């Protein structure tokens, strides 16, 4: 399945941030206020 480039990039960024436990990047990907709950 081929994803639109924008969605593909977000998912790959998410995967990398999740693996490295980078809460800052995770928050910036999905939250307007840059906040992520633990």
Protein backbone atom coordinates (compact mmCIF):
# COMPACT_ATOMS: atom_id res chain seq x y z
CA UNK A 1 0.00 0.00 0.00
CA UNK A 2 1.34 3.41 -0.92
CA UNK A 3 0.58 6.24 1.48
CA UNK A 4 0.41 9.92 0.61
CA UNK A 5 3.87 11.45 1.18
CA UNK A 6 2.70 13.66 4.07
CA UNK A 7 1.21 10.73 5.99
CA UNK A 8 4.19 8.50 5.24
CA UNK A 9 6.55 11.13 6.66
CA UNK A 10 4.51 11.62 9.84
CA UNK A 11 4.32 7.88 10.47
CA UNK A 12 8.05 7.43 9.92
CA UNK A 13 8.83 10.40 12.17
CA UNK A 14 6.49 8.93 14.80
CA UNK A 15 8.16 5.52 14.58
CA UNK A 16 11.62 7.02 15.02
CA UNK A 17 10.54 9.25 17.92
CA UNK A 18 8.75 6.34 19.65
CA UNK A 19 11.79 4.08 19.39
CA UNK A 20 14.07 6.76 20.82
CA UNK A 21 11.51 7.81 23.49
CA UNK A 22 11.65 11.39 22.23
CA UNK A 23 8.64 12.96 23.93
CA UNK A 24 9.33 16.39 22.45
CA UNK A 25 9.11 15.13 18.87
CA UNK A 26 6.05 13.00 19.65
CA UNK A 27 4.26 16.00 21.13
CA UNK A 28 5.12 18.21 18.17
CA UNK A 29 3.79 15.62 15.73
CA UNK A 30 0.32 15.39 17.26
CA UNK A 31 -0.35 18.19 19.74
CA UNK A 32 -0.79 21.86 18.95
CA UNK A 33 0.41 22.84 22.39
CA UNK A 34 3.40 20.48 22.31
CA UNK A 35 2.19 18.46 25.30
CA UNK A 36 2.23 14.67 25.58
CA UNK A 37 0.82 12.59 28.45
CA UNK A 38 2.84 9.78 29.94
